[in-house]
């Protein structure tokens, strides 16, 4: 949805409320507009500033009875809870993110919304892997892939999740590479989805030691994402620095650290902060290299403070 269309939709749901109920969360159009607003905010700012809003959505949707809602509203609230989940995930609120993903899955089941169910399994796999539970992450991705008639974009994302989870399990490198290649071979995606998928696949390839291909994909993703999402761009820049570290290339690492430093003031993300701390930790042994030392100092200065959310 273009910005002008989004603003028009927001004005409509604010000033022309549904006559069906005084609770706006029972209006599918209102819920869809909330979903678009949350997604746009995350793309632009990162998840941390949006945590209170995401938690408020969780409370409001949690007070509803899924079985009593219309199919249209079940689908809309499932989509909202998916966006809540990945917003909280980016903010480092993993327990709350998992809870929101479970709510999204339950609502999608009630609606018999297969793409919505796959989307929720994708989110659950994402959170499980971040919590260092790759076996569970694999299980969630596999459940999603067993859902029939999935859109190409959703199937490709689940294959990417499966591949990245398998990377973290000893003895599954070949299976991981196969799943990542299936994801990468997907055709017909939007430019945004294609760039994001390539960057996400690259993360798994980097962990497999396929550094050159990973760096090419990350470079493409970071450059493409600038017009869509400062958050995604910062994520892929951080991953480029980590890939260069794994490849043992301090000069390239310093270059990516410098670009990441310039990106940090635009977003507030616990995941990006975690990536920055990992980069700083992994480059300690290179601190005698002047360009690395300068890059580390500047990156440390730009690290976004994390304020606990009540």
C-alpha atoms as a PDB file:
ATOM      1  CA  UNK A   1       0.000   0.000   0.000  1.00  0.00           C
ATOM      2  CA  UNK A   2       1.375   3.403  -1.026  1.00  0.00           C
ATOM      3  CA  UNK A   3       1.770   6.098   1.630  1.00  0.00           C
ATOM      4  CA  UNK A   4      -1.107   8.230   0.315  1.00  0.00           C
ATOM      5  CA  UNK A   5      -3.410   5.186   0.226  1.00  0.00           C
ATOM      6  CA  UNK A   6      -2.380   4.225   3.745  1.00  0.00           C
ATOM      7  CA  UNK A   7      -3.075   7.708   5.112  1.00  0.00           C
ATOM      8  CA  UNK A   8      -6.485   7.729   3.451  1.00  0.00           C
ATOM      9  CA  UNK A   9      -7.285   4.321   4.939  1.00  0.00           C
ATOM     10  CA  UNK A  10      -6.174   5.459   8.397  1.00  0.00           C
ATOM     11  CA  UNK A  11      -8.327   8.574   8.204  1.00  0.00           C
ATOM     12  CA  UNK A  12     -11.299   6.488   7.146  1.00  0.00           C
ATOM     13  CA  UNK A  13     -11.098   4.014  10.032  1.00  0.00           C
ATOM     14  CA  UNK A  14     -10.562   6.822  12.550  1.00  0.00           C
ATOM     15  CA  UNK A  15     -13.323   9.181  11.401  1.00  0.00           C
ATOM     16  CA  UNK A  16     -15.765   6.669   9.921  1.00  0.00           C
ATOM     17  CA  UNK A  17     -16.032   3.998  12.610  1.00  0.00           C
ATOM     18  CA  UNK A  18     -17.864   0.730  12.060  1.00  0.00           C
ATOM     19  CA  UNK A  19     -21.482   0.808  13.140  1.00  0.00           C
ATOM     20  CA  UNK A  20     -21.263  -2.813  14.263  1.00  0.00           C
ATOM     21  CA  UNK A  21     -19.541  -2.235  17.575  1.00  0.00           C
ATOM     22  CA  UNK A  22     -17.979   0.336  19.842  1.00  0.00           C
ATOM     23  CA  UNK A  23     -14.850  -1.854  20.015  1.00  0.00           C
ATOM     24  CA  UNK A  24     -12.723  -0.920  16.971  1.00  0.00           C
ATOM     25  CA  UNK A  25     -10.854  -4.248  17.190  1.00  0.00           C
ATOM     26  CA  UNK A  26     -14.077  -5.861  15.955  1.00  0.00           C
ATOM     27  CA  UNK A  27     -13.795  -3.922  12.690  1.00  0.00           C
ATOM     28  CA  UNK A  28     -11.660  -5.863  10.134  1.00  0.00           C
ATOM     29  CA  UNK A  29     -10.776  -2.700   8.179  1.00  0.00           C
ATOM     30  CA  UNK A  30      -9.601  -0.997  11.365  1.00  0.00           C
ATOM     31  CA  UNK A  31      -7.487  -4.023  12.320  1.00  0.00           C
ATOM     32  CA  UNK A  32      -5.919  -4.221   8.855  1.00  0.00           C
ATOM     33  CA  UNK A  33      -4.979  -0.544   9.028  1.00  0.00           C
ATOM     34  CA  UNK A  34      -3.420  -1.090  12.465  1.00  0.00           C
ATOM     35  CA  UNK A  35      -1.426  -3.940  10.934  1.00  0.00           C
ATOM     36  CA  UNK A  36      -0.155  -1.761   8.091  1.00  0.00           C
ATOM     37  CA  UNK A  37       0.758   0.991  10.564  1.00  0.00           C
ATOM     38  CA  UNK A  38       2.733  -1.378  12.793  1.00  0.00           C
ATOM     39  CA  UNK A  39       4.582  -2.908   9.845  1.00  0.00           C
ATOM     40  CA  UNK A  40       5.482   0.511   8.432  1.00  0.00           C
ATOM     41  CA  UNK A  41       6.722   1.682  11.802  1.00  0.00           C
ATOM     42  CA  UNK A  42       8.927  -1.369  12.218  1.00  0.00           C
ATOM     43  CA  UNK A  43      10.399  -1.069   8.735  1.00  0.00           C
ATOM     44  CA  UNK A  44      11.287   2.559   9.398  1.00  0.00           C
ATOM     45  CA  UNK A  45      12.188   2.671  13.114  1.00  0.00           C
ATOM     46  CA  UNK A  46      12.828  -0.847  14.365  1.00  0.00           C
ATOM     47  CA  UNK A  47      10.854  -2.725  16.995  1.00  0.00           C
ATOM     48  CA  UNK A  48      11.966  -1.061  20.228  1.00  0.00           C
ATOM     49  CA  UNK A  49       9.953   2.201  19.927  1.00  0.00           C
ATOM     50  CA  UNK A  50       6.849   0.183  18.984  1.00  0.00           C
ATOM     51  CA  UNK A  51       6.914  -2.249  21.916  1.00  0.00           C
ATOM     52  CA  UNK A  52       4.203  -0.501  24.004  1.00  0.00           C
ATOM     53  CA  UNK A  53       1.907  -0.328  20.984  1.00  0.00           C
ATOM     54  CA  UNK A  54       2.509  -3.994  20.105  1.00  0.00           C
ATOM     55  CA  UNK A  55       1.800  -5.110  23.672  1.00  0.00           C
ATOM     56  CA  UNK A  56      -1.399  -3.036  23.696  1.00  0.00           C
ATOM     57  CA  UNK A  57      -2.559  -4.829  20.530  1.00  0.00           C
ATOM     58  CA  UNK A  58      -1.834  -8.155  22.230  1.00  0.00           C
ATOM     59  CA  UNK A  59      -4.033  -7.216  25.179  1.00  0.00           C
ATOM     60  CA  UNK A  60      -6.876  -6.027  22.964  1.00  0.00           C
ATOM     61  CA  UNK A  61      -6.856  -9.096  20.714  1.00  0.00           C
ATOM     62  CA  UNK A  62      -6.360 -11.393  23.709  1.00  0.00           C
ATOM     63  CA  UNK A  63      -9.660 -10.146  25.149  1.00  0.00           C
ATOM     64  CA  UNK A  64     -11.549 -11.362  22.058  1.00  0.00           C
ATOM     65  CA  UNK A  65     -13.052 -14.847  21.684  1.00  0.00           C
ATOM     66  CA  UNK A  66     -11.623 -16.222  18.397  1.00  0.00           C
ATOM     67  CA  UNK A  67     -14.423 -18.743  17.840  1.00  0.00           C
ATOM     68  CA  UNK A  68     -17.050 -15.981  17.940  1.00  0.00           C
ATOM     69  CA  UNK A  69     -15.390 -13.760  15.328  1.00  0.00           C
ATOM     70  CA  UNK A  70     -16.196 -13.662  11.634  1.00  0.00           C
ATOM     71  CA  UNK A  71     -13.743 -15.366   9.298  1.00  0.00           C
ATOM     72  CA  UNK A  72     -12.765 -11.967   7.927  1.00  0.00           C
ATOM     73  CA  UNK A  73     -11.963 -10.688  11.404  1.00  0.00           C
ATOM     74  CA  UNK A  74     -10.104 -13.870  12.368  1.00  0.00           C
ATOM     75  CA  UNK A  75      -7.854 -13.424   9.333  1.00  0.00           C
ATOM     76  CA  UNK A  76      -7.293  -9.731  10.044  1.00  0.00           C
ATOM     77  CA  UNK A  77      -6.439 -10.236  13.728  1.00  0.00           C
ATOM     78  CA  UNK A  78      -4.145 -13.156  12.846  1.00  0.00           C
ATOM     79  CA  UNK A  79      -2.218 -10.868  10.503  1.00  0.00           C
ATOM     80  CA  UNK A  80      -2.038  -8.177  13.194  1.00  0.00           C
ATOM     81  CA  UNK A  81      -0.672 -10.656  15.743  1.00  0.00           C
ATOM     82  CA  UNK A  82       1.937 -11.808  13.241  1.00  0.00           C
ATOM     83  CA  UNK A  83       3.138  -8.219  12.888  1.00  0.00           C
ATOM     84  CA  UNK A  84       3.058  -7.861  16.679  1.00  0.00           C
ATOM     85  CA  UNK A  85       5.191 -10.997  16.955  1.00  0.00           C
ATOM     86  CA  UNK A  86       7.964  -9.821  14.663  1.00  0.00           C
ATOM     87  CA  UNK A  87       7.887  -6.332  16.176  1.00  0.00           C
ATOM     88  CA  UNK A  88       8.423  -7.801  19.661  1.00  0.00           C
ATOM     89  CA  UNK A  89      11.047 -10.172  18.244  1.00  0.00           C
ATOM     90  CA  UNK A  90      12.992  -7.218  16.895  1.00  0.00           C
ATOM     91  CA  UNK A  91      12.651  -5.528  20.283  1.00  0.00           C
ATOM     92  CA  UNK A  92      14.147  -8.564  22.036  1.00  0.00           C
ATOM     93  CA  UNK A  93      10.870  -9.520  23.767  1.00  0.00           C
ATOM     94  CA  UNK A  94      11.056 -13.189  22.813  1.00  0.00           C
ATOM     95  CA  UNK A  95       8.512 -14.672  25.234  1.00  0.00           C
ATOM     96  CA  UNK A  96       5.916 -12.061  24.245  1.00  0.00           C
ATOM     97  CA  UNK A  97       6.783 -12.561  20.582  1.00  0.00           C
ATOM     98  CA  UNK A  98       6.227 -16.307  20.832  1.00  0.00           C
ATOM     99  CA  UNK A  99       2.899 -15.719  22.579  1.00  0.00           C
ATOM    100  CA  UNK A 100       1.767 -13.388  19.800  1.00  0.00           C
ATOM    101  CA  UNK A 101       2.809 -15.951  17.153  1.00  0.00           C
ATOM    102  CA  UNK A 102       0.752 -18.607  18.946  1.00  0.00           C
ATOM    103  CA  UNK A 103      -2.242 -16.269  18.973  1.00  0.00           C
ATOM    104  CA  UNK A 104      -1.756 -15.634  15.238  1.00  0.00           C
ATOM    105  CA  UNK A 105      -1.687 -19.385  14.597  1.00  0.00           C
ATOM    106  CA  UNK A 106      -4.835 -20.006  16.643  1.00  0.00           C
ATOM    107  CA  UNK A 107      -6.756 -17.277  14.825  1.00  0.00           C
ATOM    108  CA  UNK A 108      -5.582 -18.565  11.428  1.00  0.00           C
ATOM    109  CA  UNK A 109      -6.707 -22.085  12.369  1.00  0.00           C
ATOM    110  CA  UNK A 110     -10.174 -20.802  13.283  1.00  0.00           C
ATOM    111  CA  UNK A 111     -10.353 -18.992   9.926  1.00  0.00           C
ATOM    112  CA  UNK A 112      -8.971 -22.020   8.038  1.00  0.00           C
ATOM    113  CA  UNK A 113      -6.509 -19.506   6.611  1.00  0.00           C
ATOM    114  CA  UNK A 114      -3.652 -21.640   5.284  1.00  0.00           C
ATOM    115  CA  UNK A 115      -1.277 -18.781   4.334  1.00  0.00           C
ATOM    116  CA  UNK A 116      -1.931 -17.247   7.766  1.00  0.00           C
ATOM    117  CA  UNK A 117      -1.054 -20.531   9.472  1.00  0.00           C
ATOM    118  CA  UNK A 118       2.170 -20.781   7.454  1.00  0.00           C
ATOM    119  CA  UNK A 119       3.038 -17.188   8.344  1.00  0.00           C
ATOM    120  CA  UNK A 120       2.581 -17.962  12.056  1.00  0.00           C
ATOM    121  CA  UNK A 121       4.764 -21.085  11.807  1.00  0.00           C
ATOM    122  CA  UNK A 122       7.409 -18.936  10.096  1.00  0.00           C
ATOM    123  CA  UNK A 123       7.348 -16.529  13.046  1.00  0.00           C
ATOM    124  CA  UNK A 124       7.517 -19.367  15.588  1.00  0.00           C
ATOM    125  CA  UNK A 125      10.505 -20.887  13.761  1.00  0.00           C
ATOM    126  CA  UNK A 126      12.231 -17.508  13.738  1.00  0.00           C
ATOM    127  CA  UNK A 127      11.808 -17.040  17.491  1.00  0.00           C
ATOM    128  CA  UNK A 128      12.821 -20.625  18.333  1.00  0.00           C
ATOM    129  CA  UNK A 129      16.081 -20.302  16.410  1.00  0.00           C
ATOM    130  CA  UNK A 130      16.868 -16.981  18.065  1.00  0.00           C
ATOM    131  CA  UNK A 131      16.328 -18.702  21.420  1.00  0.00           C
ATOM    132  CA  UNK A 132      18.969 -21.299  20.424  1.00  0.00           C
ATOM    133  CA  UNK A 133      16.434 -24.100  19.908  1.00  0.00           C
ATOM    134  CA  UNK A 134      17.144 -25.146  16.297  1.00  0.00           C
ATOM    135  CA  UNK A 135      15.343 -28.496  16.608  1.00  0.00           C
ATOM    136  CA  UNK A 136      12.110 -26.736  17.467  1.00  0.00           C
ATOM    137  CA  UNK A 137      12.756 -24.178  14.734  1.00  0.00           C
ATOM    138  CA  UNK A 138      13.061 -27.021  12.210  1.00  0.00           C
ATOM    139  CA  UNK A 139       9.802 -28.558  13.430  1.00  0.00           C
ATOM    140  CA  UNK A 140       7.884 -25.307  13.034  1.00  0.00           C
ATOM    141  CA  UNK A 141       9.252 -24.737   9.524  1.00  0.00           C
ATOM    142  CA  UNK A 142       8.375 -28.302   8.509  1.00  0.00           C
ATOM    143  CA  UNK A 143       4.832 -27.909   9.832  1.00  0.00           C
ATOM    144  CA  UNK A 144       4.455 -24.768   7.772  1.00  0.00           C
ATOM    145  CA  UNK A 145       5.747 -26.489   4.640  1.00  0.00           C
ATOM    146  CA  UNK A 146       3.186 -29.283   5.032  1.00  0.00           C
ATOM    147  CA  UNK A 147       0.351 -26.774   4.593  1.00  0.00           C
ATOM    148  CA  UNK A 148      -1.195 -27.138   1.107  1.00  0.00           C
ATOM    149  CA  UNK A 149      -1.292 -24.552  -1.684  1.00  0.00           C
ATOM    150  CA  UNK A 150       1.184 -22.104  -0.169  1.00  0.00           C
ATOM    151  CA  UNK A 151       2.027 -18.910  -2.068  1.00  0.00           C
ATOM    152  CA  UNK A 152       5.572 -18.930  -3.444  1.00  0.00           C
ATOM    153  CA  UNK A 153       6.616 -16.129  -1.095  1.00  0.00           C
ATOM    154  CA  UNK A 154       5.530 -18.052   1.997  1.00  0.00           C
ATOM    155  CA  UNK A 155       6.989 -21.410   0.872  1.00  0.00           C
ATOM    156  CA  UNK A 156      10.320 -19.748   0.056  1.00  0.00           C
ATOM    157  CA  UNK A 157      10.456 -18.081   3.480  1.00  0.00           C
ATOM    158  CA  UNK A 158       9.741 -21.390   5.238  1.00  0.00           C
ATOM    159  CA  UNK A 159      12.471 -23.143   3.235  1.00  0.00           C
ATOM    160  CA  UNK A 160      14.824 -20.338   4.278  1.00  0.00           C
ATOM    161  CA  UNK A 161      13.793 -20.819   7.943  1.00  0.00           C
ATOM    162  CA  UNK A 162      14.292 -24.572   7.617  1.00  0.00           C
ATOM    163  CA  UNK A 163      17.726 -24.150   6.087  1.00  0.00           C
ATOM    164  CA  UNK A 164      18.927 -21.674   8.696  1.00  0.00           C
ATOM    165  CA  UNK A 165      17.690 -23.906  11.521  1.00  0.00           C
ATOM    166  CA  UNK A 166      19.399 -26.972  10.026  1.00  0.00           C
ATOM    167  CA  UNK A 167      22.678 -25.041   9.819  1.00  0.00           C
ATOM    168  CA  UNK A 168      22.686 -24.955  13.626  1.00  0.00           C
ATOM    169  CA  UNK A 169      22.345 -28.751  13.953  1.00  0.00           C
ATOM    170  CA  UNK A 170      25.519 -30.816  13.537  1.00  0.00           C
ATOM    171  CA  UNK A 171      25.549 -33.168  10.565  1.00  0.00           C
ATOM    172  CA  UNK A 172      22.845 -31.360   8.585  1.00  0.00           C
ATOM    173  CA  UNK A 173      24.936 -29.023   6.440  1.00  0.00           C
ATOM    174  CA  UNK A 174      23.902 -30.701   3.176  1.00  0.00           C
ATOM    175  CA  UNK A 175      20.198 -30.578   4.055  1.00  0.00           C
ATOM    176  CA  UNK A 176      20.581 -26.963   5.130  1.00  0.00           C
ATOM    177  CA  UNK A 177      22.262 -25.983   1.854  1.00  0.00           C
ATOM    178  CA  UNK A 178      19.539 -27.759  -0.129  1.00  0.00           C
ATOM    179  CA  UNK A 179      16.733 -25.939   1.709  1.00  0.00           C
ATOM    180  CA  UNK A 180      18.467 -22.579   1.252  1.00  0.00           C
ATOM    181  CA  UNK A 181      18.956 -23.199  -2.475  1.00  0.00           C
ATOM    182  CA  UNK A 182      15.264 -24.113  -2.871  1.00  0.00           C
ATOM    183  CA  UNK A 183      14.370 -20.809  -1.242  1.00  0.00           C
ATOM    184  CA  UNK A 184      16.805 -18.890  -3.442  1.00  0.00           C
ATOM    185  CA  UNK A 185      15.430 -20.458  -6.643  1.00  0.00           C
ATOM    186  CA  UNK A 186      11.937 -19.046  -6.032  1.00  0.00           C
ATOM    187  CA  UNK A 187      10.622 -16.913  -8.867  1.00  0.00           C
ATOM    188  CA  UNK A 188       7.843 -14.348  -9.132  1.00  0.00           C
ATOM    189  CA  UNK A 189       8.549 -12.455  -5.891  1.00  0.00           C
ATOM    190  CA  UNK A 190       8.178  -8.703  -5.500  1.00  0.00           C
ATOM    191  CA  UNK A 191      11.441  -6.699  -5.522  1.00  0.00           C
ATOM    192  CA  UNK A 192      11.136  -6.193  -1.748  1.00  0.00           C
ATOM    193  CA  UNK A 193      10.489  -9.900  -1.047  1.00  0.00           C
ATOM    194  CA  UNK A 194      13.271 -10.997  -3.395  1.00  0.00           C
ATOM    195  CA  UNK A 195      15.841  -8.711  -1.752  1.00  0.00           C
ATOM    196  CA  UNK A 196      14.792  -9.729   1.767  1.00  0.00           C
ATOM    197  CA  UNK A 197      14.813 -13.430   0.917  1.00  0.00           C
ATOM    198  CA  UNK A 198      18.254 -13.184  -0.674  1.00  0.00           C
ATOM    199  CA  UNK A 199      19.619 -11.448   2.419  1.00  0.00           C
ATOM    200  CA  UNK A 200      18.057 -13.997   4.755  1.00  0.00           C
ATOM    201  CA  UNK A 201      19.361 -16.949   2.708  1.00  0.00           C
ATOM    202  CA  UNK A 202      22.799 -15.323   2.741  1.00  0.00           C
ATOM    203  CA  UNK A 203      22.848 -15.465   6.536  1.00  0.00           C
ATOM    204  CA  UNK A 204      22.581 -19.248   6.400  1.00  0.00           C
ATOM    205  CA  UNK A 205      25.177 -19.496   3.615  1.00  0.00           C
ATOM    206  CA  UNK A 206      27.579 -17.398   5.668  1.00  0.00           C
ATOM    207  CA  UNK A 207      27.164 -19.757   8.609  1.00  0.00           C
ATOM    208  CA  UNK A 208      27.923 -22.657   6.244  1.00  0.00           C
ATOM    209  CA  UNK A 209      31.150 -20.943   5.193  1.00  0.00           C
ATOM    210  CA  UNK A 210      29.961 -20.006   1.684  1.00  0.00           C
ATOM    211  CA  UNK A 211      31.315 -16.510   2.162  1.00  0.00           C
ATOM    212  CA  UNK A 212      31.590 -15.151  -1.374  1.00  0.00           C
ATOM    213  CA  UNK A 213      28.019 -16.003  -2.376  1.00  0.00           C
ATOM    214  CA  UNK A 214      26.729 -14.833   0.993  1.00  0.00           C
ATOM    215  CA  UNK A 215      28.473 -11.485   0.653  1.00  0.00           C
ATOM    216  CA  UNK A 216      27.130 -10.928  -2.862  1.00  0.00           C
ATOM    217  CA  UNK A 217      23.569 -11.619  -1.693  1.00  0.00           C
ATOM    218  CA  UNK A 218      23.958  -9.446   1.398  1.00  0.00           C
ATOM    219  CA  UNK A 219      25.416  -6.597  -0.649  1.00  0.00           C
ATOM    220  CA  UNK A 220      22.453  -6.755  -3.032  1.00  0.00           C
ATOM    221  CA  UNK A 221      19.981  -6.905  -0.132  1.00  0.00           C
ATOM    222  CA  UNK A 222      21.568  -4.028   1.792  1.00  0.00           C
ATOM    223  CA  UNK A 223      21.592  -1.787  -1.277  1.00  0.00           C
ATOM    224  CA  UNK A 224      18.044  -2.683  -2.324  1.00  0.00           C
ATOM    225  CA  UNK A 225      16.577  -2.324   1.154  1.00  0.00           C
ATOM    226  CA  UNK A 226      17.537   1.320   1.545  1.00  0.00           C
ATOM    227  CA  UNK A 227      14.397   2.397  -0.339  1.00  0.00           C
ATOM    228  CA  UNK A 228      12.135   0.129   1.731  1.00  0.00           C
ATOM    229  CA  UNK A 229      13.416  -0.243   5.273  1.00  0.00           C
ATOM    230  CA  UNK A 230      16.263   1.326   7.268  1.00  0.00           C
ATOM    231  CA  UNK A 231      15.831  -1.573   9.729  1.00  0.00           C
ATOM    232  CA  UNK A 232      16.388  -4.273   7.117  1.00  0.00           C
ATOM    233  CA  UNK A 233      19.292  -2.344   5.637  1.00  0.00           C
ATOM    234  CA  UNK A 234      21.014  -2.138   9.034  1.00  0.00           C
ATOM    235  CA  UNK A 235      20.399  -5.838   9.632  1.00  0.00           C
ATOM    236  CA  UNK A 236      22.069  -6.847   6.377  1.00  0.00           C
ATOM    237  CA  UNK A 237      24.960  -4.436   6.872  1.00  0.00           C
ATOM    238  CA  UNK A 238      25.578  -6.069  10.242  1.00  0.00           C
ATOM    239  CA  UNK A 239      25.460  -9.490   8.648  1.00  0.00           C
ATOM    240  CA  UNK A 240      27.970  -8.342   6.022  1.00  0.00           C
ATOM    241  CA  UNK A 241      30.386  -7.342   8.769  1.00  0.00           C
ATOM    242  CA  UNK A 242      29.910 -10.705  10.508  1.00  0.00           C
ATOM    243  CA  UNK A 243      30.492 -12.554   7.229  1.00  0.00           C
ATOM    244  CA  UNK A 244      33.700 -10.604   6.618  1.00  0.00           C
ATOM    245  CA  UNK A 245      34.865 -11.470  10.143  1.00  0.00           C
ATOM    246  CA  UNK A 246      34.223 -15.186   9.539  1.00  0.00           C
ATOM    247  CA  UNK A 247      36.104 -14.942   6.244  1.00  0.00           C
ATOM    248  CA  UNK A 248      39.085 -13.366   8.031  1.00  0.00           C
ATOM    249  CA  UNK A 249      39.018 -10.066   6.103  1.00  0.00           C
ATOM    250  CA  UNK A 250      39.696  -7.160   8.497  1.00  0.00           C
ATOM    251  CA  UNK A 251      39.815  -4.486   5.784  1.00  0.00           C
ATOM    252  CA  UNK A 252      36.386  -5.450   4.452  1.00  0.00           C
ATOM    253  CA  UNK A 253      35.090  -5.781   8.015  1.00  0.00           C
ATOM    254  CA  UNK A 254      36.129  -2.212   8.826  1.00  0.00           C
ATOM    255  CA  UNK A 255      34.394  -0.957   5.676  1.00  0.00           C
ATOM    256  CA  UNK A 256      31.098  -2.638   6.601  1.00  0.00           C
ATOM    257  CA  UNK A 257      31.404  -1.481  10.209  1.00  0.00           C
ATOM    258  CA  UNK A 258      31.717   2.086   8.983  1.00  0.00           C
ATOM    259  CA  UNK A 259      28.575   1.831   6.851  1.00  0.00           C
ATOM    260  CA  UNK A 260      26.691   0.176   9.709  1.00  0.00           C
ATOM    261  CA  UNK A 261      27.754   3.014  12.024  1.00  0.00           C
ATOM    262  CA  UNK A 262      26.077   5.521   9.708  1.00  0.00           C
ATOM    263  CA  UNK A 263      22.885   3.444   9.605  1.00  0.00           C
ATOM    264  CA  UNK A 264      22.446   2.990  13.359  1.00  0.00           C
ATOM    265  CA  UNK A 265      21.015   6.429  14.286  1.00  0.00           C
ATOM    266  CA  UNK A 266      17.991   5.796  12.067  1.00  0.00           C
ATOM    267  CA  UNK A 267      16.647   2.762  13.932  1.00  0.00           C
ATOM    268  CA  UNK A 268      16.179   1.287  17.424  1.00  0.00           C
ATOM    269  CA  UNK A 269      16.398  -2.502  17.330  1.00  0.00           C
ATOM    270  CA  UNK A 270      17.469  -4.981  19.994  1.00  0.00           C
ATOM    271  CA  UNK A 271      18.482  -7.410  17.246  1.00  0.00           C
ATOM    272  CA  UNK A 272      20.713  -4.830  15.571  1.00  0.00           C
ATOM    273  CA  UNK A 273      22.189  -3.926  18.958  1.00  0.00           C
ATOM    274  CA  UNK A 274      22.941  -7.598  19.589  1.00  0.00           C
ATOM    275  CA  UNK A 275      24.631  -7.831  16.196  1.00  0.00           C
ATOM    276  CA  UNK A 276      26.721  -4.742  16.927  1.00  0.00           C
ATOM    277  CA  UNK A 277      27.855  -6.183  20.272  1.00  0.00           C
ATOM    278  CA  UNK A 278      28.809  -9.442  18.539  1.00  0.00           C
ATOM    279  CA  UNK A 279      30.834  -7.526  15.936  1.00  0.00           C
ATOM    280  CA  UNK A 280      32.615  -5.557  18.663  1.00  0.00           C
ATOM    281  CA  UNK A 281      33.393  -8.768  20.556  1.00  0.00           C
ATOM    282  CA  UNK A 282      34.657 -10.644  17.490  1.00  0.00           C
ATOM    283  CA  UNK A 283      36.927  -7.794  16.364  1.00  0.00           C
ATOM    284  CA  UNK A 284      38.742  -7.431  19.705  1.00  0.00           C
ATOM    285  CA  UNK A 285      41.589  -9.595  18.455  1.00  0.00           C
ATOM    286  CA  UNK A 286      42.054  -7.207  15.492  1.00  0.00           C
ATOM    287  CA  UNK A 287      42.169  -4.069  17.628  1.00  0.00           C
ATOM    288  CA  UNK A 288      45.851  -3.521  16.826  1.00  0.00           C
ATOM    289  CA  UNK A 289      44.792  -2.813  13.213  1.00  0.00           C
ATOM    290  CA  UNK A 290      44.215   0.942  13.112  1.00  0.00           C
ATOM    291  CA  UNK A 291      41.215   0.926  10.758  1.00  0.00           C
ATOM    292  CA  UNK A 292      39.501  -1.727  12.886  1.00  0.00           C
ATOM    293  CA  UNK A 293      40.270   0.191  16.087  1.00  0.00           C
ATOM    294  CA  UNK A 294      38.717   3.382  14.692  1.00  0.00           C
ATOM    295  CA  UNK A 295      35.708   1.465  13.325  1.00  0.00           C
ATOM    296  CA  UNK A 296      35.149  -0.214  16.707  1.00  0.00           C
ATOM    297  CA  UNK A 297      35.258   3.111  18.562  1.00  0.00           C
ATOM    298  CA  UNK A 298      32.755   4.754  16.232  1.00  0.00           C
ATOM    299  CA  UNK A 299      30.428   1.747  16.218  1.00  0.00           C
ATOM    300  CA  UNK A 300      30.443   1.626  20.021  1.00  0.00           C
ATOM    301  CA  UNK A 301      29.523   5.327  20.192  1.00  0.00           C
ATOM    302  CA  UNK A 302      26.468   4.777  17.981  1.00  0.00           C
ATOM    303  CA  UNK A 303      25.100   1.742  19.839  1.00  0.00           C
ATOM    304  CA  UNK A 304      21.464   2.510  20.665  1.00  0.00           C
ATOM    305  CA  UNK A 305      20.698   2.430  24.412  1.00  0.00           C
ATOM    306  CA  UNK A 306      17.991  -0.049  25.381  1.00  0.00           C
ATOM    307  CA  UNK A 307      15.423   1.260  27.847  1.00  0.00           C
ATOM    308  CA  UNK A 308      13.384  -1.389  29.679  1.00  0.00           C
ATOM    309  CA  UNK A 309       9.710  -1.310  28.720  1.00  0.00           C
ATOM    310  CA  UNK A 310       7.174  -1.492  31.535  1.00  0.00           C
END
